[in-house]
N, C-alpha and C. Protein backbone atom coordinates (compact mmCIF):
# COMPACT_ATOMS: atom_id res chain seq x y z
N MET A 1 -15.58 -54.52 125.57
CA MET A 1 -14.50 -54.60 126.54
C MET A 1 -13.90 -53.20 126.71
N ALA A 2 -13.72 -52.78 127.93
CA ALA A 2 -13.18 -51.46 128.24
C ALA A 2 -11.65 -51.45 128.12
N PHE A 3 -11.11 -50.26 127.93
CA PHE A 3 -9.66 -50.12 127.82
C PHE A 3 -8.96 -50.71 129.04
N HIS A 4 -9.47 -50.45 130.20
CA HIS A 4 -8.86 -50.98 131.44
C HIS A 4 -8.78 -52.50 131.40
N ASP A 5 -9.82 -53.14 130.92
CA ASP A 5 -9.83 -54.59 130.84
C ASP A 5 -8.78 -55.10 129.84
N ILE A 6 -8.68 -54.42 128.72
CA ILE A 6 -7.67 -54.80 127.73
C ILE A 6 -6.27 -54.63 128.31
N TRP A 7 -6.02 -53.50 128.95
CA TRP A 7 -4.72 -53.22 129.55
C TRP A 7 -4.34 -54.27 130.59
N GLU A 8 -5.30 -54.66 131.40
CA GLU A 8 -5.03 -55.60 132.48
C GLU A 8 -5.00 -57.06 132.03
N GLN A 9 -5.73 -57.43 130.98
CA GLN A 9 -5.90 -58.84 130.66
C GLN A 9 -5.25 -59.30 129.36
N ALA A 10 -4.97 -58.39 128.45
CA ALA A 10 -4.38 -58.80 127.17
C ALA A 10 -2.96 -59.31 127.37
N GLU A 11 -2.67 -60.44 126.76
CA GLU A 11 -1.36 -61.07 126.93
C GLU A 11 -0.21 -60.15 126.52
N VAL A 12 -0.35 -59.43 125.42
CA VAL A 12 0.73 -58.57 124.95
C VAL A 12 1.06 -57.49 125.98
N PHE A 13 0.06 -56.88 126.60
CA PHE A 13 0.32 -55.84 127.59
C PHE A 13 0.87 -56.41 128.89
N THR A 14 0.41 -57.59 129.25
CA THR A 14 0.96 -58.27 130.43
C THR A 14 2.44 -58.57 130.21
N ASN A 15 2.77 -59.06 129.02
CA ASN A 15 4.17 -59.35 128.70
C ASN A 15 5.02 -58.09 128.68
N LEU A 16 4.50 -57.01 128.14
CA LEU A 16 5.26 -55.76 128.07
C LEU A 16 5.56 -55.19 129.45
N ARG A 17 4.73 -55.47 130.43
CA ARG A 17 4.97 -54.97 131.79
C ARG A 17 5.92 -55.85 132.59
N ASP A 18 6.32 -56.99 132.07
CA ASP A 18 7.17 -57.92 132.81
C ASP A 18 8.59 -57.91 132.27
N PRO A 19 9.51 -57.19 132.92
CA PRO A 19 10.89 -57.10 132.42
C PRO A 19 11.62 -58.44 132.43
N GLU A 20 11.12 -59.42 133.17
CA GLU A 20 11.77 -60.73 133.20
C GLU A 20 11.59 -61.48 131.89
N LEU A 21 10.70 -61.03 131.03
CA LEU A 21 10.47 -61.68 129.74
C LEU A 21 11.34 -61.12 128.64
N LEU A 22 12.06 -60.04 128.92
CA LEU A 22 12.91 -59.43 127.89
C LEU A 22 14.00 -60.39 127.46
N GLU A 23 14.35 -60.34 126.20
CA GLU A 23 15.34 -61.24 125.63
C GLU A 23 16.63 -60.51 125.29
N GLY A 24 17.65 -61.29 124.94
CA GLY A 24 18.94 -60.72 124.54
C GLY A 24 19.57 -59.93 125.67
N LYS A 25 20.30 -58.90 125.31
CA LYS A 25 21.00 -58.14 126.34
C LYS A 25 20.04 -57.36 127.23
N CYS A 26 18.85 -57.04 126.75
CA CYS A 26 17.86 -56.39 127.62
C CYS A 26 17.46 -57.31 128.76
N GLY A 27 17.41 -58.60 128.49
CA GLY A 27 17.01 -59.57 129.50
C GLY A 27 18.00 -59.71 130.65
N VAL A 28 19.27 -59.40 130.40
CA VAL A 28 20.28 -59.53 131.46
C VAL A 28 20.75 -58.16 131.97
N CYS A 29 20.24 -57.09 131.41
CA CYS A 29 20.69 -55.75 131.77
C CYS A 29 20.26 -55.37 133.18
N GLU A 30 21.16 -54.77 133.91
CA GLU A 30 20.87 -54.35 135.29
C GLU A 30 19.93 -53.14 135.34
N PHE A 31 19.65 -52.52 134.21
CA PHE A 31 18.74 -51.36 134.16
C PHE A 31 17.38 -51.69 133.56
N LYS A 32 17.10 -52.96 133.34
CA LYS A 32 15.85 -53.32 132.67
C LYS A 32 14.60 -52.92 133.45
N GLN A 33 14.69 -52.79 134.76
CA GLN A 33 13.53 -52.39 135.55
C GLN A 33 13.13 -50.94 135.29
N VAL A 34 14.08 -50.10 134.87
CA VAL A 34 13.77 -48.69 134.62
C VAL A 34 13.78 -48.33 133.14
N CYS A 35 14.46 -49.10 132.33
CA CYS A 35 14.61 -48.76 130.92
C CYS A 35 13.63 -49.54 130.04
N LEU A 36 13.72 -50.84 130.09
CA LEU A 36 12.94 -51.77 129.25
C LEU A 36 13.30 -51.70 127.77
N GLY A 37 14.15 -50.78 127.36
CA GLY A 37 14.46 -50.64 125.95
C GLY A 37 13.24 -50.18 125.17
N CYS A 38 13.40 -49.93 123.92
CA CYS A 38 12.27 -49.50 123.09
C CYS A 38 11.64 -50.72 122.47
N ARG A 39 10.47 -51.05 122.94
CA ARG A 39 9.77 -52.24 122.43
C ARG A 39 9.30 -52.04 121.00
N ALA A 40 9.03 -50.80 120.60
CA ALA A 40 8.61 -50.53 119.22
C ALA A 40 9.75 -50.78 118.24
N ARG A 41 10.95 -50.33 118.59
CA ARG A 41 12.10 -50.57 117.70
C ARG A 41 12.43 -52.05 117.65
N ALA A 42 12.37 -52.72 118.80
CA ALA A 42 12.62 -54.16 118.82
C ALA A 42 11.65 -54.87 117.89
N PHE A 43 10.39 -54.53 117.97
CA PHE A 43 9.38 -55.15 117.12
C PHE A 43 9.57 -54.79 115.65
N GLY A 44 9.88 -53.53 115.40
CA GLY A 44 10.03 -53.08 114.02
C GLY A 44 11.17 -53.78 113.29
N ILE A 45 12.22 -54.10 113.99
CA ILE A 45 13.38 -54.72 113.34
C ILE A 45 13.34 -56.24 113.41
N THR A 46 12.87 -56.79 114.54
CA THR A 46 12.93 -58.25 114.71
C THR A 46 11.58 -58.94 114.62
N HIS A 47 10.49 -58.16 114.63
CA HIS A 47 9.13 -58.71 114.67
C HIS A 47 8.87 -59.45 115.99
N ASN A 48 9.64 -59.10 117.01
CA ASN A 48 9.48 -59.67 118.35
C ASN A 48 9.57 -58.51 119.34
N TYR A 49 8.46 -58.17 119.98
CA TYR A 49 8.46 -57.02 120.88
C TYR A 49 9.23 -57.25 122.17
N LEU A 50 9.65 -58.48 122.44
CA LEU A 50 10.44 -58.77 123.64
C LEU A 50 11.93 -58.90 123.33
N ALA A 51 12.32 -58.75 122.08
CA ALA A 51 13.72 -58.86 121.68
C ALA A 51 14.52 -57.68 122.25
N GLU A 52 15.84 -57.80 122.21
CA GLU A 52 16.67 -56.71 122.75
C GLU A 52 16.51 -55.44 121.91
N GLU A 53 16.72 -54.33 122.56
CA GLU A 53 16.67 -53.01 121.90
C GLU A 53 17.78 -52.96 120.86
N PRO A 54 17.47 -52.86 119.58
CA PRO A 54 18.49 -52.96 118.54
C PRO A 54 19.47 -51.79 118.47
N PHE A 55 19.11 -50.63 118.98
CA PHE A 55 20.01 -49.48 118.90
C PHE A 55 20.69 -49.12 120.21
N CYS A 56 20.51 -49.93 121.23
CA CYS A 56 21.13 -49.66 122.53
C CYS A 56 22.63 -49.95 122.44
N ILE A 57 23.44 -48.99 122.86
CA ILE A 57 24.89 -49.18 122.82
C ILE A 57 25.44 -49.64 124.16
N TYR A 58 24.59 -49.68 125.19
CA TYR A 58 25.05 -50.10 126.51
C TYR A 58 25.31 -51.61 126.52
N GLU A 59 26.40 -52.01 127.13
CA GLU A 59 26.70 -53.43 127.30
C GLU A 59 26.49 -53.80 128.76
N PRO A 60 25.51 -54.66 129.03
CA PRO A 60 25.23 -55.05 130.41
C PRO A 60 26.42 -55.77 131.04
N ARG A 61 26.46 -55.74 132.37
CA ARG A 61 27.55 -56.42 133.09
C ARG A 61 27.46 -57.92 132.96
N ALA A 62 26.24 -58.45 132.96
CA ALA A 62 26.05 -59.90 132.84
C ALA A 62 26.19 -60.31 131.38
N PRO A 63 26.83 -61.43 131.12
CA PRO A 63 26.95 -61.89 129.73
C PRO A 63 25.61 -62.35 129.19
N VAL A 64 25.42 -62.18 127.90
CA VAL A 64 24.21 -62.62 127.23
C VAL A 64 24.38 -64.08 126.86
N ASN A 65 23.43 -64.91 127.21
CA ASN A 65 23.51 -66.35 126.89
C ASN A 65 23.10 -66.61 125.48
């Protein structure tokens, strides 16, 4: 399998490219389309690469559910 195929078809990479899947305050943040938070830090601390960025100090305008 070529790198291009992995990039396009692997579930983890598909999820990482979709900001609508972000959780916590990253999921409601108005800047998620340009920021996405650090997925490596989210994974390192929570073991969930879609979790909110643990060191982000920004508070989104929308409340977190």
